[in-house]
Amino acid sequence: MNKDIIAGNWKQLKGKAQAKWGDLTDDVFDVAEGDSKYLAGKLQEQYGWQRERAEKEVDEFGRTLN
């Protein structure tokens, strides 16, 4: 799924993202508004992942939505 599609459908996809990354707060998802770079940064902070892993997680999440 294209990052623009994720951003455009964020309200519907937010629940799925929250289920996947439950350690992130509602506020993080509200601010993210589908911004994949912001979300990856928050995953790095929360889970201690390297940037590449966090970006890969977000990309894989997008692909599972197809």
PDB file of N, CA and C in Angstrom:
ATOM      1  N   MET A   1       0.839  -1.178   0.000  1.00  0.00           N
ATOM      2  CA  MET A   1       0.000   0.000   0.000  1.00  0.00           C
ATOM      3  C   MET A   1       0.880   1.235   0.000  1.00  0.00           C
ATOM      4  N   ASN A   2       0.523   2.154  -0.810  1.00  0.00           N
ATOM      5  CA  ASN A   2       1.232   3.410  -0.975  1.00  0.00           C
ATOM      6  C   ASN A   2       1.126   4.264   0.292  1.00  0.00           C
ATOM      7  N   LYS A   3       2.199   4.980   0.629  1.00  0.00           N
ATOM      8  CA  LYS A   3       2.202   5.831   1.829  1.00  0.00           C
ATOM      9  C   LYS A   3       1.127   6.907   1.747  1.00  0.00           C
ATOM     10  N   ASP A   4       0.809   7.398   0.545  1.00  0.00           N
ATOM     11  CA  ASP A   4      -0.250   8.392   0.395  1.00  0.00           C
ATOM     12  C   ASP A   4      -1.607   7.799   0.748  1.00  0.00           C
ATOM     13  N   ILE A   5      -1.800   6.533   0.413  1.00  0.00           N
ATOM     14  CA  ILE A   5      -3.057   5.863   0.741  1.00  0.00           C
ATOM     15  C   ILE A   5      -3.173   5.688   2.251  1.00  0.00           C
ATOM     16  N   ILE A   6      -2.058   5.333   2.899  1.00  0.00           N
ATOM     17  CA  ILE A   6      -2.069   5.202   4.364  1.00  0.00           C
ATOM     18  C   ILE A   6      -2.446   6.534   4.988  1.00  0.00           C
ATOM     19  N   ALA A   7      -1.828   7.602   4.525  1.00  0.00           N
ATOM     20  CA  ALA A   7      -2.129   8.923   5.085  1.00  0.00           C
ATOM     21  C   ALA A   7      -3.587   9.298   4.844  1.00  0.00           C
ATOM     22  N   GLY A   8      -4.106   9.001   3.666  1.00  0.00           N
ATOM     23  CA  GLY A   8      -5.481   9.350   3.332  1.00  0.00           C
ATOM     24  C   GLY A   8      -6.513   8.555   4.099  1.00  0.00           C
ATOM     25  N   ASN A   9      -6.175   7.352   4.501  1.00  0.00           N
ATOM     26  CA  ASN A   9      -7.107   6.479   5.216  1.00  0.00           C
ATOM     27  C   ASN A   9      -6.712   6.280   6.670  1.00  0.00           C
ATOM     28  N   TRP A  10      -5.959   7.212   7.213  1.00  0.00           N
ATOM     29  CA  TRP A  10      -5.383   7.031   8.540  1.00  0.00           C
ATOM     30  C   TRP A  10      -6.422   6.751   9.620  1.00  0.00           C
ATOM     31  N   LYS A  11      -7.543   7.440   9.594  1.00  0.00           N
ATOM     32  CA  LYS A  11      -8.540   7.241  10.644  1.00  0.00           C
ATOM     33  C   LYS A  11      -9.019   5.792  10.676  1.00  0.00           C
ATOM     34  N   GLN A  12      -9.196   5.179   9.507  1.00  0.00           N
ATOM     35  CA  GLN A  12      -9.635   3.796   9.450  1.00  0.00           C
ATOM     36  C   GLN A  12      -8.506   2.831   9.826  1.00  0.00           C
ATOM     37  N   LEU A  13      -7.282   3.175   9.488  1.00  0.00           N
ATOM     38  CA  LEU A  13      -6.145   2.282   9.708  1.00  0.00           C
ATOM     39  C   LEU A  13      -5.544   2.421  11.100  1.00  0.00           C
ATOM     40  N   LYS A  14      -5.875   3.497  11.777  1.00  0.00           N
ATOM     41  CA  LYS A  14      -5.291   3.788  13.084  1.00  0.00           C
ATOM     42  C   LYS A  14      -5.505   2.635  14.065  1.00  0.00           C
ATOM     43  N   GLY A  15      -6.676   2.052  14.077  1.00  0.00           N
ATOM     44  CA  GLY A  15      -6.962   0.949  14.995  1.00  0.00           C
ATOM     45  C   GLY A  15      -6.078  -0.255  14.737  1.00  0.00           C
ATOM     46  N   LYS A  16      -5.826  -0.552  13.474  1.00  0.00           N
ATOM     47  CA  LYS A  16      -4.945  -1.676  13.132  1.00  0.00           C
ATOM     48  C   LYS A  16      -3.517  -1.386  13.567  1.00  0.00           C
ATOM     49  N   ALA A  17      -3.085  -0.141  13.410  1.00  0.00           N
ATOM     50  CA  ALA A  17      -1.735   0.236  13.831  1.00  0.00           C
ATOM     51  C   ALA A  17      -1.616   0.156  15.347  1.00  0.00           C
ATOM     52  N   GLN A  18      -2.656   0.579  16.052  1.00  0.00           N
ATOM     53  CA  GLN A  18      -2.637   0.511  17.511  1.00  0.00           C
ATOM     54  C   GLN A  18      -2.583  -0.936  17.986  1.00  0.00           C
ATOM     55  N   ALA A  19      -3.276  -1.823  17.290  1.00  0.00           N
ATOM     56  CA  ALA A  19      -3.243  -3.240  17.666  1.00  0.00           C
ATOM     57  C   ALA A  19      -1.848  -3.821  17.446  1.00  0.00           C
ATOM     58  N   LYS A  20      -1.180  -3.397  16.389  1.00  0.00           N
ATOM     59  CA  LYS A  20       0.150  -3.917  16.077  1.00  0.00           C
ATOM     60  C   LYS A  20       1.209  -3.384  17.036  1.00  0.00           C
ATOM     61  N   TRP A  21       1.158  -2.098  17.325  1.00  0.00           N
ATOM     62  CA  TRP A  21       2.161  -1.463  18.177  1.00  0.00           C
ATOM     63  C   TRP A  21       1.487  -0.891  19.422  1.00  0.00           C
ATOM     64  N   GLY A  22       1.007  -1.763  20.268  1.00  0.00           N
ATOM     65  CA  GLY A  22       0.225  -1.380  21.434  1.00  0.00           C
ATOM     66  C   GLY A  22       0.960  -0.551  22.466  1.00  0.00           C
ATOM     67  N   ASP A  23       2.281  -0.541  22.432  1.00  0.00           N
ATOM     68  CA  ASP A  23       3.029   0.245  23.400  1.00  0.00           C
ATOM     69  C   ASP A  23       3.043   1.737  23.066  1.00  0.00           C
ATOM     70  N   LEU A  24       2.624   2.087  21.864  1.00  0.00           N
ATOM     71  CA  LEU A  24       2.547   3.500  21.501  1.00  0.00           C
ATOM     72  C   LEU A  24       1.211   4.064  21.987  1.00  0.00           C
ATOM     73  N   THR A  25       1.219   5.299  22.415  1.00  0.00           N
ATOM     74  CA  THR A  25       0.014   5.917  22.964  1.00  0.00           C
ATOM     75  C   THR A  25      -0.921   6.416  21.862  1.00  0.00           C
ATOM     76  N   ASP A  26      -2.163   6.653  22.260  1.00  0.00           N
ATOM     77  CA  ASP A  26      -3.134   7.232  21.329  1.00  0.00           C
ATOM     78  C   ASP A  26      -2.637   8.563  20.788  1.00  0.00           C
ATOM     79  N   ASP A  27      -1.972   9.336  21.638  1.00  0.00           N
ATOM     80  CA  ASP A  27      -1.463  10.635  21.208  1.00  0.00           C
ATOM     81  C   ASP A  27      -0.471  10.495  20.058  1.00  0.00           C
ATOM     82  N   VAL A  28       0.375   9.484  20.109  1.00  0.00           N
ATOM     83  CA  VAL A  28       1.348   9.258  19.028  1.00  0.00           C
ATOM     84  C   VAL A  28       0.600   9.021  17.721  1.00  0.00           C
ATOM     85  N   PHE A  29      -0.428   8.193  17.760  1.00  0.00           N
ATOM     86  CA  PHE A  29      -1.176   7.898  16.538  1.00  0.00           C
ATOM     87  C   PHE A  29      -1.967   9.116  16.062  1.00  0.00           C
ATOM     88  N   ASP A  30      -2.466   9.916  17.000  1.00  0.00           N
ATOM     89  CA  ASP A  30      -3.183  11.132  16.608  1.00  0.00           C
ATOM     90  C   ASP A  30      -2.255  12.118  15.915  1.00  0.00           C
ATOM     91  N   VAL A  31      -1.038  12.279  16.437  1.00  0.00           N
ATOM     92  CA  VAL A  31      -0.075  13.202  15.841  1.00  0.00           C
ATOM     93  C   VAL A  31       0.457  12.643  14.521  1.00  0.00           C
ATOM     94  N   ALA A  32       0.635  11.330  14.450  1.00  0.00           N
ATOM     95  CA  ALA A  32       1.203  10.711  13.246  1.00  0.00           C
ATOM     96  C   ALA A  32       0.363  10.999  12.016  1.00  0.00           C
ATOM     97  N   GLU A  33      -0.961  10.919  12.138  1.00  0.00           N
ATOM     98  CA  GLU A  33      -1.856  11.181  11.009  1.00  0.00           C
ATOM     99  C   GLU A  33      -1.374  10.532   9.719  1.00  0.00           C
ATOM    100  N   GLY A  34      -0.833   9.324   9.816  1.00  0.00           N
ATOM    101  CA  GLY A  34      -0.398   8.605   8.629  1.00  0.00           C
ATOM    102  C   GLY A  34       1.003   8.942   8.155  1.00  0.00           C
ATOM    103  N   ASP A  35       1.722   9.769   8.888  1.00  0.00           N
ATOM    104  CA  ASP A  35       3.095  10.140   8.531  1.00  0.00           C
ATOM    105  C   ASP A  35       4.024   8.984   8.882  1.00  0.00           C
ATOM    106  N   SER A  36       4.465   8.246   7.885  1.00  0.00           N
ATOM    107  CA  SER A  36       5.254   7.040   8.115  1.00  0.00           C
ATOM    108  C   SER A  36       6.604   7.337   8.762  1.00  0.00           C
ATOM    109  N   LYS A  37       7.216   8.456   8.424  1.00  0.00           N
ATOM    110  CA  LYS A  37       8.519   8.797   9.027  1.00  0.00           C
ATOM    111  C   LYS A  37       8.358   9.110  10.518  1.00  0.00           C
ATOM    112  N   TYR A  38       7.318   9.837  10.869  1.00  0.00           N
ATOM    113  CA  TYR A  38       7.048  10.144  12.271  1.00  0.00           C
ATOM    114  C   TYR A  38       6.777   8.847  13.044  1.00  0.00           C
ATOM    115  N   LEU A  39       5.955   7.996  12.469  1.00  0.00           N
ATOM    116  CA  LEU A  39       5.619   6.732  13.118  1.00  0.00           C
ATOM    117  C   LEU A  39       6.865   5.869  13.309  1.00  0.00           C
ATOM    118  N   ALA A  40       7.711   5.799  12.290  1.00  0.00           N
ATOM    119  CA  ALA A  40       8.954   5.027  12.402  1.00  0.00           C
ATOM    120  C   ALA A  40       9.844   5.604  13.503  1.00  0.00           C
ATOM    121  N   GLY A  41       9.896   6.919  13.616  1.00  0.00           N
ATOM    122  CA  GLY A  41      10.684   7.554  14.669  1.00  0.00           C
ATOM    123  C   GLY A  41      10.168   7.198  16.052  1.00  0.00           C
ATOM    124  N   LYS A  42       8.871   7.163  16.214  1.00  0.00           N
ATOM    125  CA  LYS A  42       8.284   6.803  17.496  1.00  0.00           C
ATOM    126  C   LYS A  42       8.516   5.323  17.814  1.00  0.00           C
ATOM    127  N   LEU A  43       8.501   4.484  16.786  1.00  0.00           N
ATOM    128  CA  LEU A  43       8.815   3.064  17.002  1.00  0.00           C
ATOM    129  C   LEU A  43      10.259   2.909  17.464  1.00  0.00           C
ATOM    130  N   GLN A  44      11.152   3.700  16.877  1.00  0.00           N
ATOM    131  CA  GLN A  44      12.560   3.676  17.301  1.00  0.00           C
ATOM    132  C   GLN A  44      12.668   4.036  18.783  1.00  0.00           C
ATOM    133  N   GLU A  45      11.996   5.098  19.170  1.00  0.00           N
ATOM    134  CA  GLU A  45      12.057   5.554  20.562  1.00  0.00           C
ATOM    135  C   GLU A  45      11.485   4.512  21.524  1.00  0.00           C
ATOM    136  N   GLN A  46      10.304   4.008  21.203  1.00  0.00           N
ATOM    137  CA  GLN A  46       9.599   3.119  22.118  1.00  0.00           C
ATOM    138  C   GLN A  46      10.244   1.745  22.229  1.00  0.00           C
ATOM    139  N   TYR A  47      10.641   1.192  21.087  1.00  0.00           N
ATOM    140  CA  TYR A  47      11.130  -0.191  21.072  1.00  0.00           C
ATOM    141  C   TYR A  47      12.650  -0.297  21.007  1.00  0.00           C
ATOM    142  N   GLY A  48      13.337   0.825  20.834  1.00  0.00           N
ATOM    143  CA  GLY A  48      14.792   0.801  20.777  1.00  0.00           C
ATOM    144  C   GLY A  48      15.342   0.202  19.493  1.00  0.00           C
ATOM    145  N   TRP A  49      14.541   0.254  18.432  1.00  0.00           N
ATOM    146  CA  TRP A  49      14.954  -0.304  17.147  1.00  0.00           C
ATOM    147  C   TRP A  49      15.848   0.680  16.400  1.00  0.00           C
ATOM    148  N   GLN A  50      16.657   0.130  15.480  1.00  0.00           N
ATOM    149  CA  GLN A  50      17.407   0.962  14.548  1.00  0.00           C
ATOM    150  C   GLN A  50      16.424   1.562  13.542  1.00  0.00           C
ATOM    151  N   ARG A  51      16.814   2.676  12.927  1.00  0.00           N
ATOM    152  CA  ARG A  51      15.950   3.363  11.961  1.00  0.00           C
ATOM    153  C   ARG A  51      15.478   2.427  10.859  1.00  0.00           C
ATOM    154  N   GLU A  52      16.389   1.612  10.344  1.00  0.00           N
ATOM    155  CA  GLU A  52      16.050   0.711   9.238  1.00  0.00           C
ATOM    156  C   GLU A  52      14.957  -0.279   9.644  1.00  0.00           C
ATOM    157  N   ARG A  53      15.055  -0.810  10.847  1.00  0.00           N
ATOM    158  CA  ARG A  53      14.045  -1.774  11.303  1.00  0.00           C
ATOM    159  C   ARG A  53      12.697  -1.091  11.472  1.00  0.00           C
ATOM    160  N   ALA A  54      12.700   0.092  12.064  1.00  0.00           N
ATOM    161  CA  ALA A  54      11.446   0.815  12.276  1.00  0.00           C
ATOM    162  C   ALA A  54      10.775   1.135  10.938  1.00  0.00           C
ATOM    163  N   GLU A  55      11.551   1.588   9.962  1.00  0.00           N
ATOM    164  CA  GLU A  55      10.992   1.885   8.645  1.00  0.00           C
ATOM    165  C   GLU A  55      10.473   0.617   7.973  1.00  0.00           C
ATOM    166  N   LYS A  56      11.200  -0.487   8.148  1.00  0.00           N
ATOM    167  CA  LYS A  56      10.770  -1.764   7.581  1.00  0.00           C
ATOM    168  C   LYS A  56       9.445  -2.206   8.200  1.00  0.00           C
ATOM    169  N   GLU A  57       9.300  -2.033   9.505  1.00  0.00           N
ATOM    170  CA  GLU A  57       8.050  -2.394  10.192  1.00  0.00           C
ATOM    171  C   GLU A  57       6.874  -1.603   9.623  1.00  0.00           C
ATOM    172  N   VAL A  58       7.072  -0.303   9.432  1.00  0.00           N
ATOM    173  CA  VAL A  58       6.007   0.543   8.894  1.00  0.00           C
ATOM    174  C   VAL A  58       5.684   0.129   7.456  1.00  0.00           C
ATOM    175  N   ASP A  59       6.708  -0.138   6.652  1.00  0.00           N
ATOM    176  CA  ASP A  59       6.486  -0.578   5.271  1.00  0.00           C
ATOM    177  C   ASP A  59       5.735  -1.901   5.224  1.00  0.00           C
ATOM    178  N   GLU A  60       6.138  -2.843   6.075  1.00  0.00           N
ATOM    179  CA  GLU A  60       5.460  -4.147   6.118  1.00  0.00           C
ATOM    180  C   GLU A  60       4.012  -3.996   6.564  1.00  0.00           C
ATOM    181  N   PHE A  61       3.774  -3.106   7.510  1.00  0.00           N
ATOM    182  CA  PHE A  61       2.407  -2.827   7.940  1.00  0.00           C
ATOM    183  C   PHE A  61       1.577  -2.341   6.757  1.00  0.00           C
ATOM    184  N   GLY A  62       2.138  -1.452   5.981  1.00  0.00           N
ATOM    185  CA  GLY A  62       1.436  -0.941   4.807  1.00  0.00           C
ATOM    186  C   GLY A  62       1.121  -2.035   3.801  1.00  0.00           C
ATOM    187  N   ARG A  63       2.053  -2.947   3.612  1.00  0.00           N
ATOM    188  CA  ARG A  63       1.819  -4.050   2.662  1.00  0.00           C
ATOM    189  C   ARG A  63       0.739  -5.009   3.149  1.00  0.00           C
ATOM    190  N   THR A  64       0.605  -5.184   4.446  1.00  0.00           N
ATOM    191  CA  THR A  64      -0.407  -6.115   4.965  1.00  0.00           C
ATOM    192  C   THR A  64      -1.814  -5.564   4.819  1.00  0.00           C
ATOM    193  N   LEU A  65      -1.937  -4.284   4.509  1.00  0.00           N
ATOM    194  CA  LEU A  65      -3.252  -3.670   4.394  1.00  0.00           C
ATOM    195  C   LEU A  65      -3.881  -3.878   3.028  1.00  0.00           C
ATOM    196  N   ASN A  66      -3.145  -4.380   2.097  1.00  0.00           N
ATOM    197  CA  ASN A  66      -3.683  -4.614   0.743  1.00  0.00           C
ATOM    198  C   ASN A  66      -4.739  -5.672   0.741  1.00  0.00           C
TER     199      ASN A  66
END
